[in-house]
Amino acid sequence: MTSAPPEHEGTPVVGTGQGADAGTGTASRAPDEASPRRTARQVLRLRVTTRSIVLAVLAITLTLLGLRVAASATRVFGWVLAATVVAGLLHPVVALLSRRMPRALALAVVSVGVLALAGVVAWGVIDDLTGEVRRLQEVLPEAARELEQSERFGEPAREFRLAERTQAFVEELPNWLQGGSGAEALRANATRGVAFLATGVLTLFLLVHGPRLLASGLAQVHDDTRRLAAADLLARSYRRAVRYLGGQLARAAMAGLFTYALLSMVGLHGERVLALTVAVTSMLPYLGILIGAAPIALLAFGTEPFEDAVALGVLFVGYQALDALVFQRWVDRRSIHVGPAVTVLVAILGLSLYGIGGVFVSLALAVFAVSFADELAPTDEHEVPSSADELLAAPDEPPPPEPDADADTDAGADPEPTQPEPAQEAQEATSTSPTPR
């Protein structure tokens, strides 16, 4: 008697019985054998070592320390950002003057002009602004109380708690103008001279060495093509941002002069502070002038005749329409469009941190960021990715080709033998037939 050879997996066995599939004659797979398509389950284990604990604690400590230093150095960061923005706005003027005179002389002319303008503004405006703020702190709450007691606007004014809200506004007005809370405002007053000196020195330093610093930063990109592309991108973003900021400053100046002239003709108190308020809020597109004119409306309806107050409101509404339909569109066409949402967010952030100066600095940085993002965006619709696979594909590799619908889906099938064409058979028969003599 001979013994049967051992059974292997997948080997057919003739007959029936245990280990064979009845009716087919093939061996059935044991239930404890693993399927070839089944992958082994991998167990991941996390081991916390002493080194990882020390590194985690060190990272958290350094992060908290950095946040603490950043919170303590808020004013210093503000000086650096303000110097950067001022130097960026003055650089086109210096470059224009450098075409007609040496660069050192152009820097001296621009520096002296800026210092003279700042001195005139500080000598002729700041003292008057301080007195007018105190006057408005007395007049605005009184006008709000008169509106609450009037027959025409008394009920809605009392429901809105106009007198209470106005009192809170005038109490916070000096802090908004100076930036920060009361303690931060006192600290700012104590370091105001140091702030002006530090900002002026940093601005002059950036005007002198800024182009070389930028060139040194771009030199870190070793690829010539990428370095030139980055330089061109920064230059185009900078030009558009400067045009937008110049247009916004022109709009603010016109709105402030219009408000000052109008309030001087009417005879309302605090015309300088109110004109400055309208000039700052006019940088908010489409609604900024009306927002800045809200205290003026309150003061006019509380202290002036009703017809004069209505006429004043109509004039501000008309100027807001003119600004939105003509001036703002002119600025957007020649630079870039920045929406009201971005302007409001950065203005609130800058006003809460650094006062009116913070509004200009934060707005300038936000405009440059929007210009940079707009220059990075594709200008052709064919450059926009149409699918997630194309978006995630490597930039140097083409997207994967689409499968051919006519291709044979069965990769393991043998190719069908090709039948010879009739013309080819006739040609072969002619070539093989004997040539007649």
Protein backbone atom coordinates (compact mmCIF):
# COMPACT_ATOMS: atom_id res chain seq x y z
CA MET A 1 0.00 0.00 0.00
CA THR A 2 1.28 3.42 -0.87
CA SER A 3 0.42 6.54 1.14
CA ALA A 4 -1.14 9.58 -0.52
CA PRO A 5 1.09 12.64 -0.90
CA PRO A 6 0.45 15.54 1.48
CA GLU A 7 -2.18 18.06 0.43
CA HIS A 8 -1.05 21.59 -0.46
CA GLU A 9 -3.09 24.72 -0.61
CA GLY A 10 -4.96 25.06 -3.85
CA THR A 11 -3.97 21.53 -5.12
CA PRO A 12 -6.93 19.69 -6.72
CA VAL A 13 -7.75 16.28 -5.25
CA VAL A 14 -9.80 13.67 -7.04
CA GLY A 15 -12.61 12.15 -5.07
CA THR A 16 -14.79 13.22 -2.24
CA GLY A 17 -14.52 13.12 1.50
CA GLN A 18 -13.15 15.22 4.28
CA GLY A 19 -11.07 18.13 2.99
CA ALA A 20 -12.68 18.07 -0.45
CA ASP A 21 -15.57 20.02 -1.84
CA ALA A 22 -18.33 17.68 -2.82
CA GLY A 23 -19.42 18.07 -6.42
CA THR A 24 -16.30 19.87 -7.60
CA GLY A 25 -13.53 17.64 -6.48
CA THR A 26 -11.31 20.48 -5.28
CA ALA A 27 -9.81 20.74 -1.85
CA SER A 28 -11.51 23.22 0.46
CA ARG A 29 -9.35 25.68 2.39
CA ALA A 30 -9.05 25.11 6.08
CA PRO A 31 -10.82 27.75 8.15
CA ASP A 32 -7.68 28.62 10.10
CA GLU A 33 -5.61 29.42 7.00
CA ALA A 34 -5.06 33.14 6.24
CA SER A 35 -6.41 34.63 3.00
CA PRO A 36 -3.76 36.03 0.63
CA ARG A 37 -5.75 39.28 0.31
CA ARG A 38 -5.98 39.77 4.06
CA THR A 39 -3.24 42.02 5.49
CA ALA A 40 -1.87 41.59 8.97
CA ARG A 41 -3.14 44.04 11.52
CA GLN A 42 -0.44 46.37 12.74
CA VAL A 43 -0.52 47.44 16.34
CA LEU A 44 0.85 50.96 16.92
CA ARG A 45 2.28 51.63 20.32
CA LEU A 46 3.08 55.09 21.70
CA ARG A 47 6.02 55.19 24.04
CA VAL A 48 6.65 58.38 26.02
CA THR A 49 10.28 58.76 26.88
CA THR A 50 11.96 61.17 29.27
CA ARG A 51 13.47 63.07 26.36
CA SER A 52 10.09 63.67 24.71
CA ILE A 53 8.62 64.90 28.01
CA VAL A 54 11.49 67.34 28.50
CA LEU A 55 11.17 68.62 24.93
CA ALA A 56 7.40 69.11 25.29
CA VAL A 57 7.79 71.05 28.54
CA LEU A 58 10.57 73.14 27.01
CA ALA A 59 8.46 73.95 23.94
CA ILE A 60 5.48 75.01 26.05
CA THR A 61 7.71 77.16 28.27
CA LEU A 62 9.34 78.90 25.33
CA THR A 63 5.94 79.52 23.74
CA LEU A 64 4.54 81.12 26.89
CA LEU A 65 7.71 83.16 27.31
CA GLY A 66 7.49 84.36 23.71
CA LEU A 67 3.86 85.38 24.16
CA ARG A 68 4.76 87.25 27.34
CA VAL A 69 7.61 89.09 25.64
CA ALA A 70 5.36 89.93 22.68
CA ALA A 71 2.69 91.31 25.02
CA SER A 72 5.26 93.41 26.87
CA ALA A 73 6.87 94.70 23.66
CA THR A 74 3.65 95.75 21.96
CA ARG A 75 4.72 99.38 21.75
CA VAL A 76 8.13 98.48 20.34
CA PHE A 77 6.53 96.33 17.66
CA GLY A 78 4.25 99.24 16.88
CA TRP A 79 7.22 101.55 16.40
CA VAL A 80 8.90 99.11 14.01
CA LEU A 81 5.71 98.60 11.97
CA ALA A 82 5.01 102.34 11.86
CA ALA A 83 8.58 103.05 10.68
CA THR A 84 8.24 100.37 7.99
CA VAL A 85 4.96 101.82 6.70
CA VAL A 86 6.22 105.42 6.71
CA ALA A 87 9.43 104.42 4.94
CA GLY A 88 7.44 102.50 2.35
CA LEU A 89 5.22 105.51 1.67
CA LEU A 90 8.16 107.93 1.48
CA HIS A 91 10.34 105.74 -0.72
CA PRO A 92 8.60 106.75 -4.01
CA VAL A 93 9.14 110.43 -3.13
CA VAL A 94 12.83 109.81 -2.41
CA ALA A 95 13.20 107.82 -5.64
CA LEU A 96 11.53 110.63 -7.62
CA LEU A 97 13.80 113.31 -6.15
CA SER A 98 16.87 111.11 -6.66
CA ARG A 99 16.44 111.49 -10.42
CA ARG A 100 17.20 115.22 -10.16
CA MET A 101 19.63 115.32 -7.22
CA PRO A 102 21.93 112.99 -5.26
CA ARG A 103 20.16 110.42 -3.12
CA ALA A 104 21.65 111.77 0.12
CA LEU A 105 20.30 115.23 -0.64
CA ALA A 106 16.89 113.76 -1.54
CA LEU A 107 16.79 111.91 1.81
CA ALA A 108 17.68 115.14 3.63
CA VAL A 109 14.95 117.11 1.83
CA VAL A 110 12.29 114.49 2.55
CA SER A 111 13.34 114.12 6.21
CA VAL A 112 13.31 117.87 6.86
CA GLY A 113 9.94 118.22 5.13
CA VAL A 114 8.38 115.43 7.20
CA LEU A 115 9.76 116.86 10.45
CA ALA A 116 8.48 120.33 9.57
CA LEU A 117 5.02 119.00 8.76
CA ALA A 118 4.90 117.00 11.99
CA GLY A 119 5.98 120.05 13.99
CA VAL A 120 3.31 122.26 12.45
CA VAL A 121 0.63 119.66 13.10
CA ALA A 122 1.77 119.17 16.71
CA TRP A 123 1.97 122.89 17.40
CA GLY A 124 -1.24 124.00 15.74
CA VAL A 125 -3.60 121.05 16.07
CA ILE A 126 -2.88 118.85 19.11
CA ASP A 127 -3.58 121.53 21.73
CA ASP A 128 -6.79 122.54 19.98
CA LEU A 129 -7.81 118.89 19.69
CA THR A 130 -7.34 118.38 23.42
CA GLY A 131 -9.56 121.35 24.23
CA GLU A 132 -12.21 120.31 21.72
CA VAL A 133 -12.31 116.78 23.11
CA ARG A 134 -13.03 118.18 26.56
CA ARG A 135 -15.69 120.44 25.10
CA LEU A 136 -17.33 117.51 23.28
CA GLN A 137 -17.34 115.50 26.52
CA GLU A 138 -19.63 118.16 27.91
CA VAL A 139 -21.76 118.99 24.86
CA LEU A 140 -22.54 115.53 23.44
CA PRO A 141 -24.15 114.05 26.61
CA GLU A 142 -26.19 117.22 27.03
CA ALA A 143 -27.43 116.99 23.44
CA ALA A 144 -28.33 113.32 23.97
CA ARG A 145 -30.38 114.17 27.07
CA GLU A 146 -32.22 116.88 25.15
CA LEU A 147 -33.09 114.39 22.42
CA GLU A 148 -34.48 111.96 25.02
CA GLN A 149 -36.72 114.75 26.33
CA SER A 150 -37.90 115.96 22.91
CA GLU A 151 -41.35 115.13 21.55
CA ARG A 152 -40.16 114.06 18.10
CA PHE A 153 -37.30 111.69 19.03
CA GLY A 154 -37.84 111.19 22.77
CA GLU A 155 -39.30 107.67 22.79
CA PRO A 156 -36.82 105.98 20.39
CA ALA A 157 -33.92 107.81 22.05
CA ARG A 158 -34.95 106.55 25.50
CA GLU A 159 -35.39 103.01 24.19
CA PHE A 160 -31.92 103.16 22.66
CA ARG A 161 -30.52 104.61 25.93
CA LEU A 162 -28.92 107.39 23.93
CA ALA A 163 -27.67 109.46 26.86
CA GLU A 164 -26.03 106.49 28.56
CA ARG A 165 -24.32 105.29 25.39
CA THR A 166 -23.17 108.82 24.53
CA GLN A 167 -21.64 109.26 27.98
CA ALA A 168 -19.73 106.00 27.58
CA PHE A 169 -18.55 107.09 24.13
CA VAL A 170 -17.13 110.43 25.25
CA GLU A 171 -15.42 108.78 28.21
CA GLU A 172 -13.67 106.30 25.92
CA LEU A 173 -12.86 108.87 23.22
CA PRO A 174 -9.45 109.93 24.64
CA ASN A 175 -8.40 106.29 25.01
CA TRP A 176 -9.38 105.57 21.40
CA LEU A 177 -7.42 108.58 20.16
CA GLN A 178 -4.30 107.56 22.10
CA GLY A 179 -4.71 103.80 21.86
CA GLY A 180 -5.23 101.14 24.52
CA SER A 181 -6.64 101.39 28.02
CA GLY A 182 -6.07 104.14 30.54
CA ALA A 183 -2.85 102.65 31.91
CA GLU A 184 -1.55 102.06 28.39
CA ALA A 185 -2.45 105.63 27.45
CA LEU A 186 -0.49 106.97 30.42
CA ARG A 187 2.44 104.78 29.44
CA ALA A 188 2.19 106.08 25.89
CA ASN A 189 2.23 109.69 27.12
CA ALA A 190 5.30 108.98 29.21
CA THR A 191 7.15 107.43 26.28
CA ARG A 192 5.79 109.65 23.51
CA GLY A 193 9.08 111.44 22.95
CA VAL A 194 10.96 108.16 22.88
CA ALA A 195 8.42 106.73 20.46
CA PHE A 196 8.78 109.63 18.02
CA LEU A 197 12.56 109.49 18.23
CA ALA A 198 12.72 105.71 17.74
CA THR A 199 10.21 105.77 14.88
CA GLY A 200 12.07 108.60 13.15
CA VAL A 201 15.45 106.88 13.44
CA LEU A 202 14.03 103.57 12.18
CA THR A 203 12.31 105.32 9.28
CA LEU A 204 15.54 107.03 8.23
CA PHE A 205 17.44 103.75 8.56
CA LEU A 206 14.93 101.92 6.35
CA LEU A 207 15.00 104.71 3.76
CA VAL A 208 18.79 104.46 3.55
CA HIS A 209 19.33 100.71 3.85
CA GLY A 210 15.89 99.29 3.00
CA PRO A 211 16.61 98.49 -0.68
CA ARG A 212 19.86 96.74 0.24
CA LEU A 213 18.16 94.74 2.98
CA LEU A 214 15.49 93.62 0.53
CA ALA A 215 18.11 92.70 -2.07
CA SER A 216 20.02 90.69 0.52
CA GLY A 217 16.88 88.80 1.44
CA LEU A 218 16.14 87.98 -2.19
CA ALA A 219 19.74 86.86 -2.68
CA GLN A 220 19.02 83.92 -0.39
CA VAL A 221 17.02 82.41 -3.27
CA HIS A 222 19.77 80.75 -5.32
CA ASP A 223 17.68 79.96 -8.37
CA ASP A 224 17.82 82.97 -10.72
CA THR A 225 14.38 82.40 -12.22
CA ARG A 226 12.65 82.13 -8.86
CA ARG A 227 14.56 85.10 -7.46
CA LEU A 228 13.53 87.34 -10.36
CA ALA A 229 9.94 86.10 -10.10
CA ALA A 230 9.86 86.86 -6.35
CA ALA A 231 11.34 90.34 -6.89
CA ASP A 232 8.79 91.10 -9.61
CA LEU A 233 5.94 89.84 -7.39
CA LEU A 234 7.01 92.03 -4.47
CA ALA A 235 7.49 95.07 -6.70
CA ARG A 236 4.02 94.77 -8.29
CA SER A 237 2.36 94.22 -4.90
CA TYR A 238 4.20 97.20 -3.41
CA ARG A 239 3.22 99.54 -6.25
CA ARG A 240 -0.44 98.62 -6.05
CA ALA A 241 -0.49 98.97 -2.26
CA VAL A 242 1.18 102.40 -2.40
CA ARG A 243 -1.31 103.60 -5.01
CA TYR A 244 -4.23 102.43 -2.91
CA LEU A 245 -2.89 104.01 0.28
CA GLY A 246 -2.15 107.26 -1.52
CA GLY A 247 -5.68 107.35 -2.88
CA GLN A 248 -7.14 106.59 0.54
CA LEU A 249 -5.13 109.37 2.17
CA ALA A 250 -6.36 111.78 -0.51
CA ARG A 251 -9.95 110.68 0.11
CA ALA A 252 -9.52 111.11 3.87
CA ALA A 253 -8.05 114.59 3.43
CA MET A 254 -10.94 115.68 1.19
CA ALA A 255 -13.54 114.27 3.61
CA GLY A 256 -11.89 115.98 6.57
CA LEU A 257 -11.68 119.35 4.80
CA PHE A 258 -15.30 119.07 3.67
CA THR A 259 -16.45 118.31 7.23
CA TYR A 260 -14.36 121.09 8.77
CA ALA A 261 -15.64 123.69 6.29
CA LEU A 262 -19.26 122.61 6.72
CA LEU A 263 -19.17 122.56 10.53
CA SER A 264 -17.41 125.92 10.63
CA MET A 265 -20.19 127.42 8.52
CA VAL A 266 -22.89 125.92 10.76
CA GLY A 267 -21.08 126.83 13.98
CA LEU A 268 -21.01 123.44 15.74
CA HIS A 269 -18.56 122.84 18.56
CA GLY A 270 -15.56 120.55 18.13
CA GLU A 271 -15.22 120.92 14.38
CA ARG A 272 -11.56 119.79 14.35
CA VAL A 273 -12.17 116.59 16.31
CA LEU A 274 -15.29 115.79 14.30
CA ALA A 275 -13.49 116.47 11.01
CA LEU A 276 -10.64 114.19 12.10
CA THR A 277 -13.18 111.50 13.01
CA VAL A 278 -14.82 111.69 9.57
CA ALA A 279 -11.41 111.64 7.87
CA VAL A 280 -10.40 108.45 9.69
CA THR A 281 -13.71 106.64 9.19
CA SER A 282 -13.84 107.66 5.51
CA MET A 283 -11.19 105.00 4.82
CA LEU A 284 -13.98 102.45 5.30
CA PRO A 285 -15.40 102.14 1.78
CA TYR A 286 -19.03 103.01 1.02
CA LEU A 287 -20.19 103.75 4.61
CA GLY A 288 -17.26 105.35 6.44
CA ILE A 289 -18.33 108.97 6.06
CA LEU A 290 -21.83 108.28 7.40
CA ILE A 291 -20.39 106.40 10.37
CA GLY A 292 -18.09 109.31 11.19
CA ALA A 293 -20.97 111.76 10.78
CA ALA A 294 -23.11 110.03 13.46
CA PRO A 295 -21.76 112.23 16.33
CA ILE A 296 -22.31 115.27 14.11
CA ALA A 297 -25.94 114.30 13.56
CA LEU A 298 -26.42 113.79 17.29
CA LEU A 299 -24.93 117.20 18.05
CA ALA A 300 -26.90 118.91 15.27
CA PHE A 301 -30.30 117.46 16.21
CA GLY A 302 -29.66 118.28 19.87
CA THR A 303 -28.43 121.85 19.53
CA GLU A 304 -29.55 123.16 16.10
CA PRO A 305 -32.98 123.70 14.52
CA PHE A 306 -34.55 120.66 12.95
CA GLU A 307 -34.38 122.03 9.38
CA ASP A 308 -30.66 122.83 9.67
CA ALA A 309 -29.92 119.39 11.09
CA VAL A 310 -31.81 117.70 8.21
CA ALA A 311 -29.98 119.82 5.65
CA LEU A 312 -26.66 118.88 7.25
CA GLY A 313 -27.57 115.21 7.09
CA VAL A 314 -28.56 115.48 3.42
CA LEU A 315 -25.20 117.06 2.60
CA PHE A 316 -23.30 114.23 4.27
CA VAL A 317 -25.40 111.60 2.50
CA GLY A 318 -24.73 113.28 -0.83
CA TYR A 319 -21.00 113.48 -0.19
CA GLN A 320 -20.98 109.79 0.80
CA ALA A 321 -22.67 108.90 -2.49
CA LEU A 322 -20.17 111.02 -4.43
CA ASP A 323 -17.26 109.40 -2.62
CA ALA A 324 -18.53 105.85 -3.18
CA LEU A 325 -19.50 106.26 -6.84
CA VAL A 326 -16.60 108.44 -8.03
CA PHE A 327 -13.61 108.69 -5.69
CA GLN A 328 -13.53 105.11 -4.35
CA ARG A 329 -14.03 103.58 -7.81
CA TRP A 330 -11.25 105.75 -9.21
CA VAL A 331 -8.88 104.50 -6.52
CA ASP A 332 -9.90 100.84 -7.03
CA ARG A 333 -9.39 100.99 -10.80
CA ARG A 334 -5.84 102.29 -10.42
CA SER A 335 -4.72 100.07 -7.56
CA ILE A 336 -6.70 97.23 -5.98
CA HIS A 337 -10.12 96.67 -4.47
CA VAL A 338 -10.13 96.10 -0.71
CA GLY A 339 -13.54 95.23 0.70
CA PRO A 340 -15.17 96.85 3.72
CA ALA A 341 -14.89 93.68 5.85
CA VAL A 342 -11.08 93.67 5.75
CA THR A 343 -10.93 97.40 6.43
CA VAL A 344 -13.28 97.19 9.42
CA LEU A 345 -11.44 94.28 11.04
CA VAL A 346 -7.97 95.79 10.74
CA ALA A 347 -9.23 99.25 11.76
CA ILE A 348 -10.80 97.89 14.96
CA LEU A 349 -7.64 95.95 15.77
CA GLY A 350 -5.34 98.90 15.12
CA LEU A 351 -7.57 101.37 16.98
CA SER A 352 -7.73 99.16 20.07
CA LEU A 353 -3.95 98.68 20.15
CA TYR A 354 -2.38 101.94 18.95
CA GLY A 355 -5.13 104.49 18.44
CA ILE A 356 -5.46 106.49 15.23
CA GLY A 357 -1.88 105.73 14.23
CA GLY A 358 -2.62 102.04 14.56
CA VAL A 359 -5.50 102.38 12.08
CA PHE A 360 -3.14 103.64 9.36
CA VAL A 361 -0.42 101.07 10.12
CA SER A 362 -2.78 98.08 10.24
CA LEU A 363 -4.59 99.24 7.10
CA ALA A 364 -1.29 99.59 5.21
CA LEU A 365 -0.17 96.09 6.17
CA ALA A 366 -3.55 94.60 5.26
CA VAL A 367 -3.56 96.34 1.86
CA PHE A 368 -0.10 94.99 1.05
CA ALA A 369 -1.21 91.49 2.08
CA VAL A 370 -4.29 91.73 -0.17
CA SER A 371 -2.17 93.01 -3.06
CA PHE A 372 0.33 90.19 -2.58
CA ALA A 373 -2.44 87.58 -2.55
CA ASP A 374 -4.07 89.11 -5.62
CA GLU A 375 -0.77 88.98 -7.52
CA LEU A 376 -0.34 85.32 -6.56
CA ALA A 377 -3.80 84.39 -7.82
CA PRO A 378 -3.96 82.98 -11.38
CA THR A 379 -5.14 85.39 -14.03
CA ASP A 380 -6.20 82.76 -16.59
CA GLU A 381 -9.07 80.37 -15.98
CA HIS A 382 -7.02 77.54 -17.51
CA GLU A 383 -4.49 77.92 -14.69
CA VAL A 384 -7.12 77.20 -12.02
CA PRO A 385 -7.07 73.52 -10.96
CA SER A 386 -10.21 71.70 -12.09
CA SER A 387 -9.96 68.77 -9.69
CA ALA A 388 -8.40 67.75 -6.40
CA ASP A 389 -6.00 65.36 -8.14
CA GLU A 390 -4.65 68.15 -10.31
CA LEU A 391 -4.34 70.43 -7.28
CA LEU A 392 -2.40 67.84 -5.28
CA ALA A 393 -0.17 66.76 -8.17
CA ALA A 394 3.50 67.68 -8.04
CA PRO A 395 4.27 70.93 -9.94
CA ASP A 396 6.97 69.27 -12.07
CA GLU A 397 4.89 66.21 -12.93
CA PRO A 398 1.98 66.24 -15.40
CA PRO A 399 -1.45 65.18 -14.12
CA PRO A 400 -2.23 61.47 -14.48
CA PRO A 401 -3.72 60.58 -17.89
CA GLU A 402 -7.35 59.66 -18.09
CA PRO A 403 -8.09 55.99 -18.81
CA ASP A 404 -9.10 55.12 -22.37
CA ALA A 405 -12.69 53.98 -22.62
CA ASP A 406 -11.96 51.77 -25.65
CA ALA A 407 -9.05 49.94 -23.99
CA ASP A 408 -9.50 46.29 -23.08
CA THR A 409 -10.34 46.01 -19.40
CA ASP A 410 -9.02 42.46 -19.10
CA ALA A 411 -5.25 42.97 -18.86
CA GLY A 412 -4.58 39.22 -18.64
CA ALA A 413 -6.51 38.26 -21.80
CA ASP A 414 -4.51 37.06 -24.80
CA PRO A 415 -4.59 39.37 -27.79
CA GLU A 416 -6.78 38.15 -30.61
CA PRO A 417 -4.97 37.07 -33.77
CA THR A 418 -5.20 39.63 -36.48
CA GLN A 419 -6.71 38.54 -39.78
CA PRO A 420 -4.82 39.52 -42.90
CA GLU A 421 -6.49 42.01 -45.17
CA PRO A 422 -7.65 40.88 -48.63
CA ALA A 423 -5.34 43.34 -50.36
CA GLN A 424 -2.39 42.10 -48.32
CA GLU A 425 -3.23 38.45 -49.26
CA ALA A 426 -3.37 39.31 -52.94
CA GLN A 427 -0.04 41.13 -52.73
CA GLU A 428 1.58 38.15 -50.99
CA ALA A 429 0.16 35.74 -53.60
CA THR A 430 1.50 37.87 -56.42
CA SER A 431 4.95 38.04 -54.86
CA THR A 432 5.12 34.27 -54.35
CA SER A 433 3.80 33.25 -57.82
CA PRO A 434 6.44 32.35 -60.43
CA THR A 435 7.28 35.01 -62.89
CA PRO A 436 6.20 34.04 -66.47
CA ARG A 437 8.88 33.81 -69.05
